Amino acid sequence: MGDFEGLTELEIIKLINKRKKRYCAIALNDLEEEITDPELFKRVRKIVLDNINGFTRSTFTVIGINVEGIEDG
């Protein structure tokens, strides 16, 4: 892939993952305020995180970045 707007692949990965974490935290905090059952929240949290992670991997694939095996640091 090379460069995208002057950013390296690793910089793009870090930027997207940082924003993903922020948006996940906000969404999960909002959900936690609404879902009072701890077991239900646990299941909803897993569903949200699994789907956001899947979307993020898909986004990387669309822009030509293979993130398999890369650890988020």
N, C-alpha and C. Protein backbone atom coordinates (compact mmCIF):
# COMPACT_ATOMS: atom_id res chain seq x y z
N MET A 1 0.83 -1.18 0.00
CA MET A 1 0.00 0.00 0.00
C MET A 1 0.87 1.25 0.00
N GLY A 2 1.90 1.28 0.84
CA GLY A 2 2.77 2.43 0.85
C GLY A 2 2.26 3.55 1.74
N ASP A 3 2.06 4.72 1.16
CA ASP A 3 1.66 5.91 1.90
C ASP A 3 0.20 6.28 1.66
N PHE A 4 -0.45 6.78 2.68
CA PHE A 4 -1.81 7.29 2.56
C PHE A 4 -1.85 8.62 3.29
N GLU A 5 -1.97 9.70 2.52
CA GLU A 5 -1.96 11.04 3.11
C GLU A 5 -0.71 11.26 3.95
N GLY A 6 0.42 10.70 3.51
CA GLY A 6 1.68 10.89 4.21
C GLY A 6 1.89 10.00 5.42
N LEU A 7 0.95 9.10 5.70
CA LEU A 7 1.07 8.20 6.84
C LEU A 7 1.52 6.81 6.40
N THR A 8 2.35 6.18 7.20
CA THR A 8 2.74 4.80 6.92
C THR A 8 1.61 3.87 7.34
N GLU A 9 1.69 2.61 6.93
CA GLU A 9 0.68 1.63 7.32
C GLU A 9 0.58 1.52 8.84
N LEU A 10 1.72 1.48 9.51
CA LEU A 10 1.70 1.35 10.97
C LEU A 10 1.05 2.56 11.62
N GLU A 11 1.31 3.75 11.10
CA GLU A 11 0.69 4.96 11.65
C GLU A 11 -0.83 4.94 11.44
N ILE A 12 -1.26 4.45 10.29
CA ILE A 12 -2.70 4.34 10.01
C ILE A 12 -3.35 3.36 10.98
N ILE A 13 -2.70 2.21 11.18
CA ILE A 13 -3.22 1.21 12.09
C ILE A 13 -3.35 1.79 13.49
N LYS A 14 -2.32 2.46 13.97
CA LYS A 14 -2.35 3.04 15.32
C LYS A 14 -3.43 4.10 15.44
N LEU A 15 -3.57 4.95 14.43
CA LEU A 15 -4.58 6.01 14.45
C LEU A 15 -5.99 5.43 14.50
N ILE A 16 -6.26 4.48 13.62
CA ILE A 16 -7.60 3.88 13.58
C ILE A 16 -7.89 3.13 14.88
N ASN A 17 -6.93 2.36 15.38
CA ASN A 17 -7.15 1.61 16.62
C ASN A 17 -7.36 2.55 17.81
N LYS A 18 -6.64 3.66 17.84
CA LYS A 18 -6.82 4.63 18.93
C LYS A 18 -8.23 5.20 18.92
N ARG A 19 -8.69 5.57 17.73
CA ARG A 19 -10.05 6.12 17.63
C ARG A 19 -11.10 5.06 17.91
N LYS A 20 -10.84 3.83 17.45
CA LYS A 20 -11.76 2.72 17.71
C LYS A 20 -11.92 2.53 19.21
N LYS A 21 -10.82 2.54 19.95
CA LYS A 21 -10.88 2.36 21.40
C LYS A 21 -11.70 3.46 22.07
N ARG A 22 -11.50 4.69 21.60
CA ARG A 22 -12.24 5.81 22.19
C ARG A 22 -13.74 5.66 21.95
N TYR A 23 -14.12 5.34 20.70
CA TYR A 23 -15.55 5.19 20.39
C TYR A 23 -16.16 3.99 21.09
N CYS A 24 -15.41 2.91 21.21
CA CYS A 24 -15.91 1.73 21.94
C CYS A 24 -16.14 2.08 23.40
N ALA A 25 -15.20 2.79 24.00
CA ALA A 25 -15.33 3.16 25.41
C ALA A 25 -16.57 4.01 25.63
N ILE A 26 -16.80 4.98 24.75
CA ILE A 26 -17.98 5.85 24.87
C ILE A 26 -19.26 5.03 24.73
N ALA A 27 -19.31 4.18 23.70
CA ALA A 27 -20.51 3.36 23.47
C ALA A 27 -20.76 2.41 24.64
N LEU A 28 -19.71 1.77 25.13
CA LEU A 28 -19.89 0.82 26.22
C LEU A 28 -20.28 1.52 27.51
N ASN A 29 -19.76 2.70 27.75
CA ASN A 29 -20.18 3.46 28.93
C ASN A 29 -21.66 3.81 28.86
N ASP A 30 -22.10 4.24 27.68
CA ASP A 30 -23.52 4.56 27.49
C ASP A 30 -24.39 3.32 27.69
N LEU A 31 -23.96 2.20 27.13
CA LEU A 31 -24.72 0.96 27.28
C LEU A 31 -24.77 0.50 28.74
N GLU A 32 -23.66 0.65 29.43
CA GLU A 32 -23.60 0.22 30.83
C GLU A 32 -24.58 1.01 31.69
N GLU A 33 -24.80 2.27 31.35
CA GLU A 33 -25.77 3.08 32.08
C GLU A 33 -27.20 2.60 31.85
N GLU A 34 -27.46 2.01 30.68
CA GLU A 34 -28.81 1.57 30.33
C GLU A 34 -29.09 0.12 30.72
N ILE A 35 -28.06 -0.71 30.72
CA ILE A 35 -28.23 -2.14 30.99
C ILE A 35 -27.81 -2.42 32.43
N THR A 36 -28.78 -2.69 33.26
CA THR A 36 -28.49 -2.88 34.69
C THR A 36 -28.14 -4.32 35.04
N ASP A 37 -28.49 -5.26 34.19
CA ASP A 37 -28.19 -6.67 34.43
C ASP A 37 -26.74 -6.95 34.01
N PRO A 38 -25.86 -7.28 34.96
CA PRO A 38 -24.44 -7.48 34.65
C PRO A 38 -24.18 -8.58 33.61
N GLU A 39 -24.94 -9.66 33.67
CA GLU A 39 -24.74 -10.75 32.70
C GLU A 39 -25.16 -10.32 31.29
N LEU A 40 -26.26 -9.59 31.20
CA LEU A 40 -26.71 -9.08 29.90
C LEU A 40 -25.69 -8.09 29.36
N PHE A 41 -25.19 -7.20 30.20
CA PHE A 41 -24.18 -6.24 29.74
C PHE A 41 -22.94 -6.96 29.23
N LYS A 42 -22.53 -8.00 29.92
CA LYS A 42 -21.35 -8.77 29.51
C LYS A 42 -21.54 -9.34 28.09
N ARG A 43 -22.72 -9.88 27.83
CA ARG A 43 -23.01 -10.44 26.49
C ARG A 43 -23.07 -9.35 25.43
N VAL A 44 -23.74 -8.24 25.76
CA VAL A 44 -23.84 -7.12 24.82
C VAL A 44 -22.46 -6.55 24.54
N ARG A 45 -21.64 -6.41 25.57
CA ARG A 45 -20.27 -5.89 25.42
C ARG A 45 -19.47 -6.75 24.44
N LYS A 46 -19.57 -8.07 24.59
CA LYS A 46 -18.85 -8.98 23.70
C LYS A 46 -19.33 -8.83 22.26
N ILE A 47 -20.63 -8.73 22.07
CA ILE A 47 -21.19 -8.56 20.72
C ILE A 47 -20.69 -7.27 20.10
N VAL A 48 -20.75 -6.18 20.86
CA VAL A 48 -20.30 -4.87 20.34
C VAL A 48 -18.83 -4.93 19.97
N LEU A 49 -17.99 -5.42 20.88
CA LEU A 49 -16.55 -5.45 20.61
C LEU A 49 -16.20 -6.37 19.45
N ASP A 50 -16.82 -7.55 19.38
CA ASP A 50 -16.56 -8.46 18.27
C ASP A 50 -16.91 -7.82 16.93
N ASN A 51 -18.04 -7.13 16.88
CA ASN A 51 -18.47 -6.52 15.63
C ASN A 51 -17.64 -5.30 15.25
N ILE A 52 -17.27 -4.49 16.22
CA ILE A 52 -16.41 -3.34 15.94
C ILE A 52 -15.04 -3.83 15.45
N ASN A 53 -14.51 -4.86 16.09
CA ASN A 53 -13.22 -5.41 15.65
C ASN A 53 -13.31 -5.99 14.24
N GLY A 54 -14.41 -6.67 13.95
CA GLY A 54 -14.61 -7.19 12.60
C GLY A 54 -14.70 -6.08 11.57
N PHE A 55 -15.42 -5.02 11.90
CA PHE A 55 -15.53 -3.87 11.01
C PHE A 55 -14.17 -3.22 10.78
N THR A 56 -13.40 -3.10 11.85
CA THR A 56 -12.07 -2.49 11.73
C THR A 56 -11.16 -3.33 10.83
N ARG A 57 -11.15 -4.65 11.03
CA ARG A 57 -10.35 -5.53 10.16
C ARG A 57 -10.79 -5.40 8.71
N SER A 58 -12.10 -5.32 8.49
CA SER A 58 -12.63 -5.16 7.15
C SER A 58 -12.18 -3.84 6.53
N THR A 59 -12.18 -2.79 7.33
CA THR A 59 -11.73 -1.48 6.87
C THR A 59 -10.27 -1.53 6.44
N PHE A 60 -9.44 -2.16 7.26
CA PHE A 60 -8.03 -2.30 6.89
C PHE A 60 -7.88 -3.06 5.58
N THR A 61 -8.65 -4.11 5.42
CA THR A 61 -8.58 -4.90 4.18
C THR A 61 -8.97 -4.06 2.97
N VAL A 62 -10.02 -3.27 3.10
CA VAL A 62 -10.48 -2.43 2.00
C VAL A 62 -9.41 -1.44 1.57
N ILE A 63 -8.66 -0.90 2.55
CA ILE A 63 -7.64 0.08 2.18
C ILE A 63 -6.29 -0.58 1.90
N GLY A 64 -6.27 -1.92 1.93
CA GLY A 64 -5.07 -2.64 1.51
C GLY A 64 -4.04 -2.91 2.58
N ILE A 65 -4.47 -2.94 3.83
CA ILE A 65 -3.55 -3.22 4.93
C ILE A 65 -3.89 -4.57 5.52
N ASN A 66 -2.89 -5.47 5.57
CA ASN A 66 -3.07 -6.77 6.20
C ASN A 66 -2.61 -6.68 7.65
N VAL A 67 -3.53 -6.82 8.59
CA VAL A 67 -3.19 -6.66 10.00
C VAL A 67 -3.09 -7.99 10.74
N GLU A 68 -3.24 -9.10 10.04
CA GLU A 68 -3.15 -10.40 10.70
C GLU A 68 -1.77 -10.56 11.30
N GLY A 69 -1.72 -10.89 12.59
CA GLY A 69 -0.45 -11.11 13.27
C GLY A 69 0.21 -9.86 13.80
N ILE A 70 -0.38 -8.69 13.56
CA ILE A 70 0.18 -7.45 14.08
C ILE A 70 -0.42 -7.18 15.45
N GLU A 71 0.42 -6.96 16.43
CA GLU A 71 -0.04 -6.64 17.78
C GLU A 71 -0.28 -5.15 17.89
N ASP A 72 -1.39 -4.78 18.50
CA ASP A 72 -1.70 -3.36 18.73
C ASP A 72 -0.94 -2.90 19.95
N GLY A 73 -0.06 -1.93 19.77
CA GLY A 73 0.75 -1.49 20.89
C GLY A 73 0.40 -0.14 21.40
